[in-house]
Amino acid sequence: MPTVTAPLPDLVLYTRPGCGLCDEARAAIDLLIADRAAHGLPVPEVVERNIDDDPALHRELFERIPVIELGPGRLELATSVARLRRLFADVLDGPAAIRSATSPSNPGPASTGEVVRG
């Protein structure tokens, strides 16, 4: 049972024009959102931020995009569906869903290198 109630945190995708990895991240996000919606799970709004529009963001994130933030979670160079699925579960579904997703019968992804703020 999902533990997040409305309003959900926005999923923020930091990107820039011409970024192939950003296109991969966007496709992975679309896939996961469609899957979650089909299963009746909470789906965040997606907000894209072009780092070229903000000099401070450009300096901070240029070598790390695509960067995805969802609530307190943050992924840098985020193109892996497995990493994104884990971030969604961590933030939107709560600890019970995480334990279920990583139980011995379903070990889940190995170390993901996720960067979590909070």
PDB file of N, CA and C in Angstrom:
ATOM      1  N   MET A   1       0.851  -1.178   0.000  1.00  0.00           N
ATOM      2  CA  MET A   1       0.000   0.000   0.000  1.00  0.00           C
ATOM      3  C   MET A   1       0.895   1.239   0.000  1.00  0.00           C
ATOM      4  N   PRO A   2       0.697   2.176  -0.967  1.00  0.00           N
ATOM      5  CA  PRO A   2       1.522   3.379  -1.026  1.00  0.00           C
ATOM      6  C   PRO A   2       1.372   4.202   0.244  1.00  0.00           C
ATOM      7  N   THR A   3       2.486   4.793   0.672  1.00  0.00           N
ATOM      8  CA  THR A   3       2.465   5.574   1.896  1.00  0.00           C
ATOM      9  C   THR A   3       2.442   7.073   1.640  1.00  0.00           C
ATOM     10  N   VAL A   4       2.653   7.495   0.403  1.00  0.00           N
ATOM     11  CA  VAL A   4       2.656   8.913   0.082  1.00  0.00           C
ATOM     12  C   VAL A   4       1.233   9.331  -0.256  1.00  0.00           C
ATOM     13  N   THR A   5       0.802  10.423   0.339  1.00  0.00           N
ATOM     14  CA  THR A   5      -0.517  10.948   0.015  1.00  0.00           C
ATOM     15  C   THR A   5      -0.346  12.246  -0.750  1.00  0.00           C
ATOM     16  N   ALA A   6      -1.406  12.684  -1.417  1.00  0.00           N
ATOM     17  CA  ALA A   6      -1.363  13.911  -2.199  1.00  0.00           C
ATOM     18  C   ALA A   6      -1.044  15.082  -1.296  1.00  0.00           C
ATOM     19  N   PRO A   7      -0.334  16.056  -1.741  1.00  0.00           N
ATOM     20  CA  PRO A   7       0.287  16.087  -3.050  1.00  0.00           C
ATOM     21  C   PRO A   7       1.625  15.335  -3.054  1.00  0.00           C
ATOM     22  N   LEU A   8       1.882  14.681  -4.151  1.00  0.00           N
ATOM     23  CA  LEU A   8       3.157  13.993  -4.327  1.00  0.00           C
ATOM     24  C   LEU A   8       4.235  15.014  -4.652  1.00  0.00           C
ATOM     25  N   PRO A   9       5.472  14.676  -4.348  1.00  0.00           N
ATOM     26  CA  PRO A   9       6.550  15.569  -4.786  1.00  0.00           C
ATOM     27  C   PRO A   9       6.666  15.502  -6.303  1.00  0.00           C
ATOM     28  N   ASP A  10       7.054  16.609  -6.904  1.00  0.00           N
ATOM     29  CA  ASP A  10       7.323  16.618  -8.339  1.00  0.00           C
ATOM     30  C   ASP A  10       8.603  15.848  -8.615  1.00  0.00           C
ATOM     31  N   LEU A  11       8.669  15.233  -9.772  1.00  0.00           N
ATOM     32  CA  LEU A  11       9.910  14.647 -10.260  1.00  0.00           C
ATOM     33  C   LEU A  11      10.539  15.727 -11.138  1.00  0.00           C
ATOM     34  N   VAL A  12      11.723  16.182 -10.756  1.00  0.00           N
ATOM     35  CA  VAL A  12      12.400  17.239 -11.507  1.00  0.00           C
ATOM     36  C   VAL A  12      13.528  16.612 -12.308  1.00  0.00           C
ATOM     37  N   LEU A  13      13.485  16.835 -13.618  1.00  0.00           N
ATOM     38  CA  LEU A  13      14.515  16.356 -14.525  1.00  0.00           C
ATOM     39  C   LEU A  13      15.319  17.558 -14.996  1.00  0.00           C
ATOM     40  N   TYR A  14      16.590  17.582 -14.593  1.00  0.00           N
ATOM     41  CA  TYR A  14      17.500  18.638 -15.036  1.00  0.00           C
ATOM     42  C   TYR A  14      18.153  18.158 -16.322  1.00  0.00           C
ATOM     43  N   THR A  15      18.042  18.965 -17.364  1.00  0.00           N
ATOM     44  CA  THR A  15      18.460  18.565 -18.696  1.00  0.00           C
ATOM     45  C   THR A  15      18.957  19.779 -19.473  1.00  0.00           C
ATOM     46  N   ARG A  16      19.319  19.553 -20.713  1.00  0.00           N
ATOM     47  CA  ARG A  16      19.648  20.649 -21.624  1.00  0.00           C
ATOM     48  C   ARG A  16      19.429  20.148 -23.037  1.00  0.00           C
ATOM     49  N   PRO A  17      19.198  21.049 -23.973  1.00  0.00           N
ATOM     50  CA  PRO A  17      18.980  20.643 -25.362  1.00  0.00           C
ATOM     51  C   PRO A  17      20.193  19.893 -25.917  1.00  0.00           C
ATOM     52  N   GLY A  18      19.922  18.884 -26.726  1.00  0.00           N
ATOM     53  CA  GLY A  18      20.994  18.129 -27.364  1.00  0.00           C
ATOM     54  C   GLY A  18      21.654  17.092 -26.488  1.00  0.00           C
ATOM     55  N   CYS A  19      21.110  16.822 -25.331  1.00  0.00           N
ATOM     56  CA  CYS A  19      21.684  15.854 -24.388  1.00  0.00           C
ATOM     57  C   CYS A  19      21.067  14.482 -24.648  1.00  0.00           C
ATOM     58  N   GLY A  20      21.821  13.585 -25.256  1.00  0.00           N
ATOM     59  CA  GLY A  20      21.336  12.246 -25.550  1.00  0.00           C
ATOM     60  C   GLY A  20      21.001  11.450 -24.302  1.00  0.00           C
ATOM     61  N   LEU A  21      21.839  11.578 -23.263  1.00  0.00           N
ATOM     62  CA  LEU A  21      21.549  10.883 -22.004  1.00  0.00           C
ATOM     63  C   LEU A  21      20.248  11.392 -21.382  1.00  0.00           C
ATOM     64  N   CYS A  22      19.977  12.683 -21.564  1.00  0.00           N
ATOM     65  CA  CYS A  22      18.730  13.248 -21.041  1.00  0.00           C
ATOM     66  C   CYS A  22      17.531  12.637 -21.763  1.00  0.00           C
ATOM     67  N   ASP A  23      17.678  12.390 -23.068  1.00  0.00           N
ATOM     68  CA  ASP A  23      16.607  11.735 -23.823  1.00  0.00           C
ATOM     69  C   ASP A  23      16.374  10.326 -23.290  1.00  0.00           C
ATOM     70  N   GLU A  24      17.451   9.615 -22.955  1.00  0.00           N
ATOM     71  CA  GLU A  24      17.322   8.273 -22.370  1.00  0.00           C
ATOM     72  C   GLU A  24      16.603   8.338 -21.021  1.00  0.00           C
ATOM     73  N   ALA A  25      16.975   9.310 -20.201  1.00  0.00           N
ATOM     74  CA  ALA A  25      16.334   9.458 -18.885  1.00  0.00           C
ATOM     75  C   ALA A  25      14.857   9.758 -19.047  1.00  0.00           C
ATOM     76  N   ARG A  26      14.519  10.641 -19.982  1.00  0.00           N
ATOM     77  CA  ARG A  26      13.125  11.001 -20.222  1.00  0.00           C
ATOM     78  C   ARG A  26      12.324   9.761 -20.650  1.00  0.00           C
ATOM     79  N   ALA A  27      12.904   8.935 -21.524  1.00  0.00           N
ATOM     80  CA  ALA A  27      12.220   7.710 -21.970  1.00  0.00           C
ATOM     81  C   ALA A  27      12.023   6.739 -20.805  1.00  0.00           C
ATOM     82  N   ALA A  28      13.035   6.613 -19.934  1.00  0.00           N
ATOM     83  CA  ALA A  28      12.924   5.729 -18.768  1.00  0.00           C
ATOM     84  C   ALA A  28      11.848   6.235 -17.813  1.00  0.00           C
ATOM     85  N   ILE A  29      11.795   7.536 -17.608  1.00  0.00           N
ATOM     86  CA  ILE A  29      10.774   8.131 -16.746  1.00  0.00           C
ATOM     87  C   ILE A  29       9.386   7.855 -17.318  1.00  0.00           C
ATOM     88  N   ASP A  30       9.215   8.076 -18.616  1.00  0.00           N
ATOM     89  CA  ASP A  30       7.917   7.838 -19.256  1.00  0.00           C
ATOM     90  C   ASP A  30       7.486   6.383 -19.092  1.00  0.00           C
ATOM     91  N   LEU A  31       8.424   5.462 -19.256  1.00  0.00           N
ATOM     92  CA  LEU A  31       8.140   4.039 -19.114  1.00  0.00           C
ATOM     93  C   LEU A  31       7.666   3.717 -17.695  1.00  0.00           C
ATOM     94  N   LEU A  32       8.400   4.214 -16.698  1.00  0.00           N
ATOM     95  CA  LEU A  32       8.042   3.930 -15.306  1.00  0.00           C
ATOM     96  C   LEU A  32       6.724   4.578 -14.902  1.00  0.00           C
ATOM     97  N   ILE A  33       6.479   5.776 -15.373  1.00  0.00           N
ATOM     98  CA  ILE A  33       5.224   6.445 -15.037  1.00  0.00           C
ATOM     99  C   ILE A  33       4.048   5.687 -15.644  1.00  0.00           C
ATOM    100  N   ALA A  34       4.195   5.250 -16.879  1.00  0.00           N
ATOM    101  CA  ALA A  34       3.125   4.473 -17.520  1.00  0.00           C
ATOM    102  C   ALA A  34       2.887   3.167 -16.760  1.00  0.00           C
ATOM    103  N   ASP A  35       3.959   2.499 -16.347  1.00  0.00           N
ATOM    104  CA  ASP A  35       3.843   1.247 -15.603  1.00  0.00           C
ATOM    105  C   ASP A  35       3.159   1.476 -14.256  1.00  0.00           C
ATOM    106  N   ARG A  36       3.567   2.522 -13.531  1.00  0.00           N
ATOM    107  CA  ARG A  36       2.965   2.810 -12.231  1.00  0.00           C
ATOM    108  C   ARG A  36       1.487   3.155 -12.388  1.00  0.00           C
ATOM    109  N   ALA A  37       1.154   3.951 -13.391  1.00  0.00           N
ATOM    110  CA  ALA A  37      -0.244   4.333 -13.624  1.00  0.00           C
ATOM    111  C   ALA A  37      -1.086   3.095 -13.939  1.00  0.00           C
ATOM    112  N   ALA A  38      -0.539   2.188 -14.739  1.00  0.00           N
ATOM    113  CA  ALA A  38      -1.257   0.967 -15.099  1.00  0.00           C
ATOM    114  C   ALA A  38      -1.515   0.081 -13.889  1.00  0.00           C
ATOM    115  N   HIS A  39      -0.649   0.188 -12.863  1.00  0.00           N
ATOM    116  CA  HIS A  39      -0.797  -0.616 -11.651  1.00  0.00           C
ATOM    117  C   HIS A  39      -1.465   0.152 -10.511  1.00  0.00           C
ATOM    118  N   GLY A  40      -1.977   1.337 -10.810  1.00  0.00           N
ATOM    119  CA  GLY A  40      -2.691   2.109  -9.801  1.00  0.00           C
ATOM    120  C   GLY A  40      -1.807   2.703  -8.722  1.00  0.00           C
ATOM    121  N   LEU A  41      -0.522   2.844  -9.004  1.00  0.00           N
ATOM    122  CA  LEU A  41       0.416   3.418  -8.035  1.00  0.00           C
ATOM    123  C   LEU A  41       0.516   4.931  -8.233  1.00  0.00           C
ATOM    124  N   PRO A  42       0.902   5.664  -7.202  1.00  0.00           N
ATOM    125  CA  PRO A  42       1.007   7.114  -7.331  1.00  0.00           C
ATOM    126  C   PRO A  42       2.044   7.509  -8.381  1.00  0.00           C
ATOM    127  N   VAL A  43       1.708   8.555  -9.129  1.00  0.00           N
ATOM    128  CA  VAL A  43       2.554   9.031 -10.220  1.00  0.00           C
ATOM    129  C   VAL A  43       2.847  10.516 -10.009  1.00  0.00           C
ATOM    130  N   PRO A  44       4.121  10.882  -9.956  1.00  0.00           N
ATOM    131  CA  PRO A  44       4.459  12.294  -9.760  1.00  0.00           C
ATOM    132  C   PRO A  44       4.326  13.090 -11.053  1.00  0.00           C
ATOM    133  N   GLU A  45       4.172  14.392 -10.910  1.00  0.00           N
ATOM    134  CA  GLU A  45       4.260  15.295 -12.057  1.00  0.00           C
ATOM    135  C   GLU A  45       5.730  15.391 -12.449  1.00  0.00           C
ATOM    136  N   VAL A  46       5.999  15.467 -13.735  1.00  0.00           N
ATOM    137  CA  VAL A  46       7.368  15.618 -14.218  1.00  0.00           C
ATOM    138  C   VAL A  46       7.577  17.074 -14.607  1.00  0.00           C
ATOM    139  N   VAL A  47       8.630  17.670 -14.048  1.00  0.00           N
ATOM    140  CA  VAL A  47       8.987  19.047 -14.341  1.00  0.00           C
ATOM    141  C   VAL A  47      10.401  19.025 -14.913  1.00  0.00           C
ATOM    142  N   GLU A  48      10.562  19.543 -16.131  1.00  0.00           N
ATOM    143  CA  GLU A  48      11.897  19.613 -16.722  1.00  0.00           C
ATOM    144  C   GLU A  48      12.470  21.000 -16.505  1.00  0.00           C
ATOM    145  N   ARG A  49      13.752  21.018 -16.135  1.00  0.00           N
ATOM    146  CA  ARG A  49      14.458  22.288 -15.961  1.00  0.00           C
ATOM    147  C   ARG A  49      15.676  22.274 -16.854  1.00  0.00           C
ATOM    148  N   ASN A  50      15.741  23.233 -17.748  1.00  0.00           N
ATOM    149  CA  ASN A  50      16.857  23.385 -18.667  1.00  0.00           C
ATOM    150  C   ASN A  50      17.977  24.116 -17.935  1.00  0.00           C
ATOM    151  N   ILE A  51      19.093  23.418 -17.717  1.00  0.00           N
ATOM    152  CA  ILE A  51      20.182  24.042 -16.955  1.00  0.00           C
ATOM    153  C   ILE A  51      20.812  25.214 -17.702  1.00  0.00           C
ATOM    154  N   ASP A  52      20.607  25.285 -19.015  1.00  0.00           N
ATOM    155  CA  ASP A  52      21.149  26.417 -19.784  1.00  0.00           C
ATOM    156  C   ASP A  52      20.442  27.726 -19.438  1.00  0.00           C
ATOM    157  N   ASP A  53      19.254  27.650 -18.825  1.00  0.00           N
ATOM    158  CA  ASP A  53      18.499  28.843 -18.454  1.00  0.00           C
ATOM    159  C   ASP A  53      18.961  29.455 -17.137  1.00  0.00           C
ATOM    160  N   ASP A  54      19.826  28.766 -16.405  1.00  0.00           N
ATOM    161  CA  ASP A  54      20.268  29.226 -15.088  1.00  0.00           C
ATOM    162  C   ASP A  54      21.770  28.989 -14.967  1.00  0.00           C
ATOM    163  N   PRO A  55      22.575  30.058 -15.001  1.00  0.00           N
ATOM    164  CA  PRO A  55      24.028  29.890 -14.953  1.00  0.00           C
ATOM    165  C   PRO A  55      24.525  29.091 -13.743  1.00  0.00           C
ATOM    166  N   ALA A  56      23.888  29.254 -12.577  1.00  0.00           N
ATOM    167  CA  ALA A  56      24.314  28.507 -11.387  1.00  0.00           C
ATOM    168  C   ALA A  56      24.042  27.014 -11.564  1.00  0.00           C
ATOM    169  N   LEU A  57      22.857  26.672 -12.070  1.00  0.00           N
ATOM    170  CA  LEU A  57      22.551  25.258 -12.326  1.00  0.00           C
ATOM    171  C   LEU A  57      23.494  24.683 -13.383  1.00  0.00           C
ATOM    172  N   HIS A  58      23.794  25.477 -14.401  1.00  0.00           N
ATOM    173  CA  HIS A  58      24.688  25.011 -15.464  1.00  0.00           C
ATOM    174  C   HIS A  58      26.061  24.665 -14.887  1.00  0.00           C
ATOM    175  N   ARG A  59      26.599  25.541 -14.056  1.00  0.00           N
ATOM    176  CA  ARG A  59      27.903  25.275 -13.434  1.00  0.00           C
ATOM    177  C   ARG A  59      27.856  24.034 -12.544  1.00  0.00           C
ATOM    178  N   GLU A  60      26.790  23.910 -11.771  1.00  0.00           N
ATOM    179  CA  GLU A  60      26.679  22.813 -10.813  1.00  0.00           C
ATOM    180  C   GLU A  60      26.439  21.459 -11.480  1.00  0.00           C
ATOM    181  N   LEU A  61      25.606  21.431 -12.517  1.00  0.00           N
ATOM    182  CA  LEU A  61      25.105  20.154 -13.019  1.00  0.00           C
ATOM    183  C   LEU A  61      25.582  19.760 -14.416  1.00  0.00           C
ATOM    184  N   PHE A  62      26.299  20.619 -15.113  1.00  0.00           N
ATOM    185  CA  PHE A  62      26.644  20.352 -16.518  1.00  0.00           C
ATOM    186  C   PHE A  62      27.256  18.972 -16.730  1.00  0.00           C
ATOM    187  N   GLU A  63      28.179  18.574 -15.875  1.00  0.00           N
ATOM    188  CA  GLU A  63      28.864  17.287 -16.056  1.00  0.00           C
ATOM    189  C   GLU A  63      28.091  16.123 -15.426  1.00  0.00           C
ATOM    190  N   ARG A  64      26.944  16.391 -14.831  1.00  0.00           N
ATOM    191  CA  ARG A  64      26.191  15.347 -14.114  1.00  0.00           C
ATOM    192  C   ARG A  64      24.839  15.032 -14.738  1.00  0.00           C
ATOM    193  N   ILE A  65      24.381  15.831 -15.715  1.00  0.00           N
ATOM    194  CA  ILE A  65      23.049  15.610 -16.256  1.00  0.00           C
ATOM    195  C   ILE A  65      23.025  14.335 -17.075  1.00  0.00           C
ATOM    196  N   PRO A  66      21.894  13.678 -17.114  1.00  0.00           N
ATOM    197  CA  PRO A  66      20.630  14.063 -16.501  1.00  0.00           C
ATOM    198  C   PRO A  66      20.629  13.836 -14.996  1.00  0.00           C
ATOM    199  N   VAL A  67      20.096  14.802 -14.288  1.00  0.00           N
ATOM    200  CA  VAL A  67      19.922  14.701 -12.840  1.00  0.00           C
ATOM    201  C   VAL A  67      18.425  14.665 -12.579  1.00  0.00           C
ATOM    202  N   ILE A  68      18.015  13.738 -11.727  1.00  0.00           N
ATOM    203  CA  ILE A  68      16.609  13.590 -11.384  1.00  0.00           C
ATOM    204  C   ILE A  68      16.464  13.733  -9.878  1.00  0.00           C
ATOM    205  N   GLU A  69      15.534  14.587  -9.480  1.00  0.00           N
ATOM    206  CA  GLU A  69      15.201  14.740  -8.070  1.00  0.00           C
ATOM    207  C   GLU A  69      13.741  14.372  -7.880  1.00  0.00           C
ATOM    208  N   LEU A  70      13.488  13.600  -6.844  1.00  0.00           N
ATOM    209  CA  LEU A  70      12.126  13.219  -6.462  1.00  0.00           C
ATOM    210  C   LEU A  70      12.083  13.269  -4.949  1.00  0.00           C
ATOM    211  N   GLY A  71      11.402  14.278  -4.409  1.00  0.00           N
ATOM    212  CA  GLY A  71      11.401  14.459  -2.956  1.00  0.00           C
ATOM    213  C   GLY A  71      12.838  14.600  -2.488  1.00  0.00           C
ATOM    214  N   PRO A  72      13.226  13.841  -1.454  1.00  0.00           N
ATOM    215  CA  PRO A  72      14.587  13.950  -0.930  1.00  0.00           C
ATOM    216  C   PRO A  72      15.615  13.152  -1.745  1.00  0.00           C
ATOM    217  N   GLY A  73      15.171  12.390  -2.742  1.00  0.00           N
ATOM    218  CA  GLY A  73      16.088  11.552  -3.515  1.00  0.00           C
ATOM    219  C   GLY A  73      16.638  12.275  -4.724  1.00  0.00           C
ATOM    220  N   ARG A  74      17.877  11.922  -5.058  1.00  0.00           N
ATOM    221  CA  ARG A  74      18.536  12.541  -6.209  1.00  0.00           C
ATOM    222  C   ARG A  74      19.404  11.500  -6.898  1.00  0.00           C
ATOM    223  N   LEU A  75      19.283  11.430  -8.228  1.00  0.00           N
ATOM    224  CA  LEU A  75      20.129  10.571  -9.043  1.00  0.00           C
ATOM    225  C   LEU A  75      20.864  11.438 -10.048  1.00  0.00           C
ATOM    226  N   GLU A  76      22.157  11.210 -10.166  1.00  0.00           N
ATOM    227  CA  GLU A  76      22.957  11.910 -11.160  1.00  0.00           C
ATOM    228  C   GLU A  76      23.322  10.928 -12.262  1.00  0.00           C
ATOM    229  N   LEU A  77      23.445  11.440 -13.495  1.00  0.00           N
ATOM    230  CA  LEU A  77      23.683  10.593 -14.663  1.00  0.00           C
ATOM    231  C   LEU A  77      22.654   9.470 -14.695  1.00  0.00           C
ATOM    232  N   ALA A  78      21.400   9.857 -14.505  1.00  0.00           N
ATOM    233  CA  ALA A  78      20.309   8.914 -14.291  1.00  0.00           C
ATOM    234  C   ALA A  78      19.700   8.454 -15.608  1.00  0.00           C
ATOM    235  N   THR A  79      20.088   7.267 -16.056  1.00  0.00           N
ATOM    236  CA  THR A  79      19.477   6.697 -17.249  1.00  0.00           C
ATOM    237  C   THR A  79      19.001   5.270 -17.013  1.00  0.00           C
ATOM    238  N   SER A  80      19.322   4.680 -15.888  1.00  0.00           N
ATOM    239  CA  SER A  80      18.988   3.297 -15.591  1.00  0.00           C
ATOM    240  C   SER A  80      17.549   3.169 -15.085  1.00  0.00           C
ATOM    241  N   VAL A  81      16.764   2.335 -15.765  1.00  0.00           N
ATOM    242  CA  VAL A  81      15.396   2.097 -15.321  1.00  0.00           C
ATOM    243  C   VAL A  81      15.390   1.499 -13.912  1.00  0.00           C
ATOM    244  N   ALA A  82      16.335   0.608 -13.612  1.00  0.00           N
ATOM    245  CA  ALA A  82      16.393  -0.013 -12.285  1.00  0.00           C
ATOM    246  C   ALA A  82      16.640   1.039 -11.198  1.00  0.00           C
ATOM    247  N   ARG A  83      17.561   1.960 -11.439  1.00  0.00           N
ATOM    248  CA  ARG A  83      17.836   3.016 -10.453  1.00  0.00           C
ATOM    249  C   ARG A  83      16.617   3.916 -10.271  1.00  0.00           C
ATOM    250  N   LEU A  84      15.964   4.251 -11.371  1.00  0.00           N
ATOM    251  CA  LEU A  84      14.780   5.104 -11.291  1.00  0.00           C
ATOM    252  C   LEU A  84      13.633   4.392 -10.580  1.00  0.00           C
ATOM    253  N   ARG A  85      13.452   3.099 -10.874  1.00  0.00           N
ATOM    254  CA  ARG A  85      12.404   2.330 -10.211  1.00  0.00           C
ATOM    255  C   ARG A  85      12.642   2.328  -8.695  1.00  0.00           C
ATOM    256  N   ARG A  86      13.893   2.174  -8.295  1.00  0.00           N
ATOM    257  CA  ARG A  86      14.239   2.176  -6.868  1.00  0.00           C
ATOM    258  C   ARG A  86      13.952   3.539  -6.236  1.00  0.00           C
ATOM    259  N   LEU A  87      14.299   4.616  -6.940  1.00  0.00           N
ATOM    260  CA  LEU A  87      14.018   5.967  -6.437  1.00  0.00           C
ATOM    261  C   LEU A  87      12.514   6.158  -6.266  1.00  0.00           C
ATOM    262  N   PHE A  88      11.719   5.751  -7.253  1.00  0.00           N
ATOM    263  CA  PHE A  88      10.266   5.864  -7.143  1.00  0.00           C
ATOM    264  C   PHE A  88       9.782   5.101  -5.913  1.00  0.00           C
ATOM    265  N   ALA A  89      10.248   3.860  -5.754  1.00  0.00           N
ATOM    266  CA  ALA A  89       9.818   3.040  -4.613  1.00  0.00           C
ATOM    267  C   ALA A  89      10.241   3.680  -3.297  1.00  0.00           C
ATOM    268  N   ASP A  90      11.489   4.140  -3.216  1.00  0.00           N
ATOM    269  CA  ASP A  90      11.988   4.760  -1.983  1.00  0.00           C
ATOM    270  C   ASP A  90      11.130   5.948  -1.572  1.00  0.00           C
ATOM    271  N   VAL A  91      10.817   6.805  -2.524  1.00  0.00           N
ATOM    272  CA  VAL A  91      10.144   8.065  -2.205  1.00  0.00           C
ATOM    273  C   VAL A  91       8.624   7.928  -2.184  1.00  0.00           C
ATOM    274  N   LEU A  92       8.068   7.185  -3.113  1.00  0.00           N
ATOM    275  CA  LEU A  92       6.616   7.165  -3.268  1.00  0.00           C
ATOM    276  C   LEU A  92       5.914   6.019  -2.550  1.00  0.00           C
ATOM    277  N   ASP A  93       6.623   4.903  -2.342  1.00  0.00           N
ATOM    278  CA  ASP A  93       5.956   3.724  -1.810  1.00  0.00           C
ATOM    279  C   ASP A  93       6.340   3.402  -0.373  1.00  0.00           C
ATOM    280  N   GLY A  94       7.406   3.960   0.130  1.00  0.00           N
ATOM    281  CA  GLY A  94       7.784   3.788   1.520  1.00  0.00           C
ATOM    282  C   GLY A  94       8.572   2.530   1.805  1.00  0.00           C
ATOM    283  N   PRO A  95       9.014   2.355   3.057  1.00  0.00           N
ATOM    284  CA  PRO A  95       9.888   1.252   3.457  1.00  0.00           C
ATOM    285  C   PRO A  95       9.308  -0.136   3.223  1.00  0.00           C
ATOM    286  N   ALA A  96       8.022  -0.339   3.394  1.00  0.00           N
ATOM    287  CA  ALA A  96       7.448  -1.683   3.205  1.00  0.00           C
ATOM    288  C   ALA A  96       7.624  -2.145   1.774  1.00  0.00           C
ATOM    289  N   ALA A  97       7.427  -1.245   0.815  1.00  0.00           N
ATOM    290  CA  ALA A  97       7.582  -1.606  -0.590  1.00  0.00           C
ATOM    291  C   ALA A  97       9.042  -1.894  -0.906  1.00  0.00           C
ATOM    292  N   ILE A  98       9.950  -1.164  -0.280  1.00  0.00           N
ATOM    293  CA  ILE A  98      11.371  -1.375  -0.518  1.00  0.00           C
ATOM    294  C   ILE A  98      11.776  -2.750  -0.001  1.00  0.00           C
ATOM    295  N   ARG A  99      11.325  -3.116   1.202  1.00  0.00           N
ATOM    296  CA  ARG A  99      11.663  -4.436   1.736  1.00  0.00           C
ATOM    297  C   ARG A  99      11.123  -5.532   0.831  1.00  0.00           C
ATOM    298  N   SER A 100       9.920  -5.366   0.335  1.00  0.00           N
ATOM    299  CA  SER A 100       9.323  -6.360  -0.551  1.00  0.00           C
ATOM    300  C   SER A 100      10.100  -6.458  -1.851  1.00  0.00           C
ATOM    301  N   ALA A 101      10.501  -5.316  -2.399  1.00  0.00           N
ATOM    302  CA  ALA A 101      11.207  -5.300  -3.678  1.00  0.00           C
ATOM    303  C   ALA A 101      12.612  -5.869  -3.566  1.00  0.00           C
ATOM    304  N   THR A 102      13.188  -5.875  -2.355  1.00  0.00           N
ATOM    305  CA  THR A 102      14.563  -6.354  -2.195  1.00  0.00           C
ATOM    306  C   THR A 102      14.642  -7.573  -1.304  1.00  0.00           C
ATOM    307  N   SER A 103      13.548  -8.310  -1.181  1.00  0.00           N
ATOM    308  CA  SER A 103      13.558  -9.517  -0.366  1.00  0.00           C
ATOM    309  C   SER A 103      14.460 -10.564  -0.998  1.00  0.00           C
ATOM    310  N   PRO A 104      14.877 -11.596  -0.247  1.00  0.00           N
ATOM    311  CA  PRO A 104      15.767 -12.614  -0.808  1.00  0.00           C
ATOM    312  C   PRO A 104      15.237 -13.250  -2.086  1.00  0.00           C
ATOM    313  N   SER A 105      13.923 -13.363  -2.233  1.00  0.00           N
ATOM    314  CA  SER A 105      13.387 -13.939  -3.464  1.00  0.00           C
ATOM    315  C   SER A 105      13.420 -12.953  -4.613  1.00  0.00           C
ATOM    316  N   ASN A 106      13.623 -11.672  -4.319  1.00  0.00           N
ATOM    317  CA  ASN A 106      13.713 -10.635  -5.337  1.00  0.00           C
ATOM    318  C   ASN A 106      14.818  -9.682  -4.918  1.00  0.00           C
ATOM    319  N   PRO A 107      16.093 -10.016  -5.183  1.00  0.00           N
ATOM    320  CA  PRO A 107      17.192  -9.241  -4.641  1.00  0.00           C
ATOM    321  C   PRO A 107      17.281  -7.804  -5.153  1.00  0.00           C
ATOM    322  N   GLY A 108      16.650  -7.475  -6.247  1.00  0.00           N
ATOM    323  CA  GLY A 108      16.708  -6.107  -6.746  1.00  0.00           C
ATOM    324  C   GLY A 108      18.085  -5.779  -7.277  1.00  0.00           C
ATOM    325  N   PRO A 109      18.289  -4.534  -7.709  1.00  0.00           N
ATOM    326  CA  PRO A 109      19.566  -4.168  -8.289  1.00  0.00           C
ATOM    327  C   PRO A 109      20.670  -4.147  -7.255  1.00  0.00           C
ATOM    328  N   ALA A 110      21.875  -4.392  -7.699  1.00  0.00           N
ATOM    329  CA  ALA A 110      23.047  -4.272  -6.825  1.00  0.00           C
ATOM    330  C   ALA A 110      23.256  -2.804  -6.523  1.00  0.00           C
ATOM    331  N   SER A 111      24.332  -2.494  -5.907  1.00  0.00           N
ATOM    332  CA  SER A 111      24.618  -1.110  -5.540  1.00  0.00           C
ATOM    333  C   SER A 111      24.369  -0.188  -6.718  1.00  0.00           C
ATOM    334  N   THR A 112      23.573   0.848  -6.489  1.00  0.00           N
ATOM    335  CA  THR A 112      23.146   1.697  -7.584  1.00  0.00           C
ATOM    336  C   THR A 112      23.939   2.984  -7.689  1.00  0.00           C
ATOM    337  N   GLY A 113      24.714   3.325  -6.703  1.00  0.00           N
ATOM    338  CA  GLY A 113      25.448   4.580  -6.738  1.00  0.00           C
ATOM    339  C   GLY A 113      24.540   5.786  -6.588  1.00  0.00           C
ATOM    340  N   GLU A 114      23.392   5.598  -6.017  1.00  0.00           N
ATOM    341  CA  GLU A 114      22.446   6.693  -5.862  1.00  0.00           C
ATOM    342  C   GLU A 114      22.982   7.735  -4.899  1.00  0.00           C
ATOM    343  N   VAL A 115      22.669   8.976  -5.204  1.00  0.00           N
ATOM    344  CA  VAL A 115      23.006  10.074  -4.313  1.00  0.00           C
ATOM    345  C   VAL A 115      21.704  10.518  -3.689  1.00  0.00           C
ATOM    346  N   VAL A 116      21.590  10.398  -2.380  1.00  0.00           N
ATOM    347  CA  VAL A 116      20.353  10.767  -1.697  1.00  0.00           C
ATOM    348  C   VAL A 116      20.644  11.937  -0.784  1.00  0.00           C
ATOM    349  N   ARG A 117      19.836  12.980  -0.965  1.00  0.00           N
ATOM    350  CA  ARG A 117      19.935  14.141  -0.094  1.00  0.00           C
ATOM    351  C   ARG A 117      18.832  14.047   0.927  1.00  0.00           C
ATOM    352  N   GLY A 118      19.036  14.730   2.017  1.00  0.00           N
ATOM    353  CA  GLY A 118      17.907  14.750   2.929  1.00  0.00           C
ATOM    354  C   GLY A 118      18.242  15.047   4.324  1.00  0.00           C
TER     355      GLY A 118
END
